[in-house]
């Protein structure tokens, strides 16, 4: 994308075509190793939750700290937050 499209909240910059459609046009999860039924479950879950909540990366970090977890890796995307953590040293 040479320029952002502010009205559609599409930023400027290089983006994979599949990611472009997934994030900005139509969320339709696809993996070649999954059956159509498995992908239907994933896609249904994206559009149909009755109770969906979003947390910030700072909130998730605070939860980890509160229970003594040391974060080794983190990744924040539009779809959610992934944290890999381990038990902290008992001092």
N, C-alpha and C. Protein backbone atom coordinates (compact mmCIF):
# COMPACT_ATOMS: atom_id res chain seq x y z
N UNK A 1 0.85 -1.16 0.00
CA UNK A 1 0.00 0.00 0.00
C UNK A 1 0.90 1.23 0.00
N UNK A 2 0.94 1.97 -1.10
CA UNK A 2 1.82 3.14 -1.15
C UNK A 2 1.37 4.25 -0.19
N UNK A 3 0.07 4.33 0.06
CA UNK A 3 -0.46 5.36 0.96
C UNK A 3 -1.53 4.73 1.85
N UNK A 4 -1.72 5.26 3.06
CA UNK A 4 -2.78 4.71 3.91
C UNK A 4 -4.16 5.05 3.35
N UNK A 5 -5.14 4.23 3.69
CA UNK A 5 -6.54 4.51 3.38
C UNK A 5 -7.21 4.72 4.73
N UNK A 6 -7.19 5.96 5.19
CA UNK A 6 -7.64 6.29 6.54
C UNK A 6 -9.10 5.89 6.80
N UNK A 7 -9.96 6.10 5.83
CA UNK A 7 -11.38 5.79 5.99
C UNK A 7 -11.59 4.32 6.35
N UNK A 8 -10.76 3.44 5.80
CA UNK A 8 -10.87 2.00 6.05
C UNK A 8 -9.86 1.51 7.08
N UNK A 9 -9.10 2.45 7.66
CA UNK A 9 -8.07 2.12 8.66
C UNK A 9 -7.03 1.14 8.12
N UNK A 10 -6.64 1.33 6.87
CA UNK A 10 -5.61 0.50 6.24
C UNK A 10 -4.32 1.31 6.21
N UNK A 11 -3.28 0.84 6.90
CA UNK A 11 -2.04 1.61 6.93
C UNK A 11 -1.24 1.45 5.64
N UNK A 12 -0.34 2.38 5.41
CA UNK A 12 0.58 2.27 4.28
C UNK A 12 1.63 1.23 4.63
N UNK A 13 2.22 0.63 3.62
CA UNK A 13 3.31 -0.31 3.84
C UNK A 13 3.07 -1.63 3.15
N UNK A 14 4.13 -2.45 3.16
CA UNK A 14 4.08 -3.75 2.50
C UNK A 14 3.28 -4.72 3.37
N UNK A 15 2.42 -5.50 2.72
CA UNK A 15 1.60 -6.48 3.43
C UNK A 15 1.33 -7.66 2.51
N UNK A 16 1.37 -8.84 3.08
CA UNK A 16 1.04 -10.07 2.37
C UNK A 16 -0.41 -10.00 1.91
N UNK A 17 -0.71 -10.46 0.70
CA UNK A 17 -2.07 -10.36 0.15
C UNK A 17 -3.09 -11.07 1.03
N UNK A 18 -2.76 -12.26 1.54
CA UNK A 18 -3.69 -12.98 2.41
C UNK A 18 -3.96 -12.18 3.68
N UNK A 19 -2.91 -11.61 4.29
CA UNK A 19 -3.06 -10.80 5.50
C UNK A 19 -3.89 -9.55 5.21
N UNK A 20 -3.68 -8.94 4.03
CA UNK A 20 -4.47 -7.76 3.65
C UNK A 20 -5.95 -8.10 3.68
N UNK A 21 -6.34 -9.18 3.00
CA UNK A 21 -7.75 -9.57 2.98
C UNK A 21 -8.24 -9.95 4.36
N UNK A 22 -7.42 -10.70 5.10
CA UNK A 22 -7.84 -11.17 6.42
C UNK A 22 -8.06 -10.01 7.39
N UNK A 23 -7.13 -9.06 7.43
CA UNK A 23 -7.23 -7.97 8.40
C UNK A 23 -8.15 -6.84 7.94
N UNK A 24 -8.30 -6.63 6.64
CA UNK A 24 -8.99 -5.42 6.19
C UNK A 24 -10.21 -5.64 5.32
N UNK A 25 -10.42 -6.84 4.79
CA UNK A 25 -11.55 -7.06 3.90
C UNK A 25 -12.53 -8.07 4.49
N UNK A 26 -12.06 -9.28 4.74
CA UNK A 26 -12.95 -10.35 5.22
C UNK A 26 -12.13 -11.38 5.98
N UNK A 27 -12.44 -11.55 7.25
CA UNK A 27 -11.72 -12.52 8.05
C UNK A 27 -12.21 -13.92 7.70
N UNK A 28 -11.39 -14.65 6.99
CA UNK A 28 -11.72 -16.02 6.62
C UNK A 28 -10.43 -16.84 6.80
N UNK A 29 -10.34 -17.52 7.93
CA UNK A 29 -9.16 -18.30 8.26
C UNK A 29 -9.04 -19.50 7.34
N UNK A 30 -7.81 -19.79 6.93
CA UNK A 30 -7.58 -20.92 6.04
C UNK A 30 -6.21 -21.52 6.32
N UNK A 31 -6.19 -22.84 6.43
CA UNK A 31 -4.93 -23.58 6.56
C UNK A 31 -5.06 -24.84 5.73
N UNK A 32 -4.10 -25.13 4.88
CA UNK A 32 -4.21 -26.29 3.98
C UNK A 32 -4.33 -27.62 4.73
N UNK A 33 -3.73 -27.72 5.92
CA UNK A 33 -3.77 -29.00 6.63
C UNK A 33 -5.07 -29.21 7.43
N UNK A 34 -5.96 -28.23 7.45
CA UNK A 34 -7.22 -28.36 8.18
C UNK A 34 -8.36 -28.73 7.23
N UNK A 35 -9.33 -29.45 7.79
CA UNK A 35 -10.52 -29.78 6.99
C UNK A 35 -11.41 -28.55 6.90
N UNK A 36 -12.34 -28.58 5.95
CA UNK A 36 -13.27 -27.46 5.80
C UNK A 36 -14.10 -27.31 7.07
N UNK A 37 -14.45 -28.43 7.71
CA UNK A 37 -15.23 -28.37 8.94
C UNK A 37 -14.44 -27.67 10.06
N UNK A 38 -13.15 -27.98 10.19
CA UNK A 38 -12.33 -27.31 11.20
C UNK A 38 -12.23 -25.81 10.92
N UNK A 39 -12.03 -25.46 9.66
CA UNK A 39 -11.93 -24.04 9.32
C UNK A 39 -13.27 -23.33 9.54
N UNK A 40 -14.38 -24.01 9.27
CA UNK A 40 -15.69 -23.43 9.53
C UNK A 40 -15.86 -23.11 11.01
N UNK A 41 -15.38 -23.99 11.88
CA UNK A 41 -15.46 -23.74 13.32
C UNK A 41 -14.66 -22.50 13.70
N UNK A 42 -13.46 -22.39 13.18
CA UNK A 42 -12.61 -21.23 13.49
C UNK A 42 -13.27 -19.95 12.98
N UNK A 43 -13.76 -19.96 11.75
CA UNK A 43 -14.37 -18.77 11.17
C UNK A 43 -15.68 -18.41 11.88
N UNK A 44 -16.48 -19.42 12.24
CA UNK A 44 -17.72 -19.15 12.97
C UNK A 44 -17.41 -18.50 14.30
N UNK A 45 -16.38 -18.99 14.99
CA UNK A 45 -16.02 -18.47 16.30
C UNK A 45 -15.64 -16.99 16.21
N UNK A 46 -15.02 -16.57 15.12
CA UNK A 46 -14.62 -15.18 14.98
C UNK A 46 -15.84 -14.25 14.92
N UNK A 47 -16.89 -14.68 14.23
CA UNK A 47 -18.04 -13.81 14.01
C UNK A 47 -19.19 -13.99 15.00
N UNK A 48 -19.21 -15.08 15.75
CA UNK A 48 -20.41 -15.40 16.51
C UNK A 48 -20.32 -15.37 18.03
N UNK A 49 -19.22 -14.93 18.66
CA UNK A 49 -19.20 -15.00 20.13
C UNK A 49 -20.22 -14.06 20.76
N UNK A 50 -20.91 -14.55 21.79
CA UNK A 50 -21.86 -13.71 22.50
C UNK A 50 -21.15 -12.78 23.49
N UNK A 51 -20.08 -13.28 24.06
CA UNK A 51 -19.30 -12.49 25.01
C UNK A 51 -17.86 -12.47 24.55
N UNK A 52 -17.43 -11.36 24.03
CA UNK A 52 -16.06 -11.22 23.58
C UNK A 52 -15.43 -10.04 24.32
N UNK A 53 -14.23 -10.24 24.81
CA UNK A 53 -13.54 -9.20 25.55
C UNK A 53 -12.13 -9.05 25.00
N UNK A 54 -11.63 -7.85 25.01
CA UNK A 54 -10.27 -7.57 24.56
C UNK A 54 -9.48 -7.04 25.74
N UNK A 55 -8.24 -7.45 25.83
CA UNK A 55 -7.35 -6.94 26.85
C UNK A 55 -6.17 -6.26 26.17
N UNK A 56 -5.55 -5.34 26.88
CA UNK A 56 -4.37 -4.68 26.34
C UNK A 56 -3.14 -5.51 26.69
N UNK A 57 -2.06 -5.28 25.97
CA UNK A 57 -0.81 -5.96 26.26
C UNK A 57 -0.34 -5.63 27.68
N UNK A 58 -0.53 -4.39 28.11
CA UNK A 58 -0.15 -4.02 29.47
C UNK A 58 -0.94 -4.79 30.53
N UNK A 59 -2.23 -5.04 30.28
CA UNK A 59 -3.04 -5.83 31.22
C UNK A 59 -2.51 -7.26 31.32
N UNK A 60 -2.20 -7.87 30.18
CA UNK A 60 -1.71 -9.24 30.18
C UNK A 60 -0.36 -9.32 30.87
N UNK A 61 0.51 -8.35 30.60
CA UNK A 61 1.80 -8.31 31.29
C UNK A 61 1.61 -8.20 32.80
N UNK A 62 0.67 -7.38 33.23
CA UNK A 62 0.40 -7.21 34.67
C UNK A 62 -0.10 -8.51 35.29
N UNK A 63 -0.96 -9.25 34.58
CA UNK A 63 -1.43 -10.54 35.11
C UNK A 63 -0.26 -11.50 35.31
N UNK A 64 0.63 -11.54 34.33
CA UNK A 64 1.80 -12.42 34.43
C UNK A 64 2.66 -12.03 35.63
N UNK A 65 2.91 -10.74 35.78
CA UNK A 65 3.72 -10.27 36.90
C UNK A 65 3.05 -10.60 38.24
N UNK A 66 1.74 -10.45 38.30
CA UNK A 66 1.00 -10.69 39.54
C UNK A 66 1.11 -12.13 40.03
N UNK A 67 1.30 -13.08 39.11
CA UNK A 67 1.41 -14.49 39.51
C UNK A 67 2.83 -15.02 39.39
N UNK A 68 3.78 -14.10 39.21
CA UNK A 68 5.19 -14.48 39.20
C UNK A 68 5.69 -15.13 37.93
N UNK A 69 5.07 -14.84 36.80
CA UNK A 69 5.53 -15.39 35.53
C UNK A 69 6.50 -14.43 34.87
N UNK A 70 7.55 -14.97 34.27
CA UNK A 70 8.52 -14.18 33.52
C UNK A 70 8.22 -14.37 32.03
N UNK A 71 7.93 -13.30 31.35
CA UNK A 71 7.58 -13.36 29.93
C UNK A 71 8.84 -13.58 29.11
N UNK A 72 8.81 -14.62 28.30
CA UNK A 72 9.93 -14.91 27.41
C UNK A 72 9.69 -14.39 26.00
N UNK A 73 8.44 -14.46 25.54
CA UNK A 73 8.08 -13.96 24.21
C UNK A 73 6.67 -13.40 24.28
N UNK A 74 6.43 -12.41 23.46
CA UNK A 74 5.06 -11.89 23.36
C UNK A 74 4.82 -11.44 21.93
N UNK A 75 3.58 -11.53 21.54
CA UNK A 75 3.19 -11.09 20.20
C UNK A 75 1.77 -10.53 20.29
N UNK A 76 1.61 -9.32 19.84
CA UNK A 76 0.29 -8.69 19.85
C UNK A 76 -0.12 -8.42 18.40
N UNK A 77 -1.28 -8.93 18.03
CA UNK A 77 -1.85 -8.73 16.70
C UNK A 77 -3.30 -8.30 16.87
N UNK A 78 -3.93 -7.95 15.78
CA UNK A 78 -5.35 -7.61 15.85
C UNK A 78 -6.18 -8.77 16.37
N UNK A 79 -5.77 -9.99 16.06
CA UNK A 79 -6.54 -11.17 16.48
C UNK A 79 -6.38 -11.48 17.95
N UNK A 80 -5.35 -10.97 18.58
CA UNK A 80 -5.17 -11.24 20.00
C UNK A 80 -3.72 -11.16 20.42
N UNK A 81 -3.50 -11.57 21.66
CA UNK A 81 -2.18 -11.49 22.28
C UNK A 81 -1.71 -12.90 22.61
N UNK A 82 -0.48 -13.21 22.26
CA UNK A 82 0.13 -14.48 22.61
C UNK A 82 1.30 -14.21 23.54
N UNK A 83 1.34 -14.92 24.65
CA UNK A 83 2.43 -14.79 25.61
C UNK A 83 3.01 -16.17 25.88
N UNK A 84 4.33 -16.27 25.88
CA UNK A 84 5.03 -17.47 26.34
C UNK A 84 5.77 -17.03 27.59
N UNK A 85 5.47 -17.68 28.72
CA UNK A 85 6.07 -17.28 29.98
C UNK A 85 6.47 -18.51 30.78
N UNK A 86 7.30 -18.30 31.78
CA UNK A 86 7.73 -19.40 32.66
C UNK A 86 7.61 -18.92 34.09
N UNK A 87 7.60 -19.88 35.01
CA UNK A 87 7.58 -19.54 36.42
C UNK A 87 8.85 -18.81 36.77
N UNK A 88 8.72 -17.76 37.55
CA UNK A 88 9.88 -17.00 37.98
C UNK A 88 10.64 -17.76 39.04
N UNK A 89 11.87 -17.35 39.27
CA UNK A 89 12.69 -17.96 40.31
C UNK A 89 12.10 -17.63 41.68
N UNK A 90 11.99 -18.63 42.53
CA UNK A 90 11.49 -18.41 43.88
C UNK A 90 12.65 -17.87 44.72
N UNK A 91 12.58 -16.61 45.08
CA UNK A 91 13.67 -15.99 45.84
C UNK A 91 13.25 -15.76 47.25
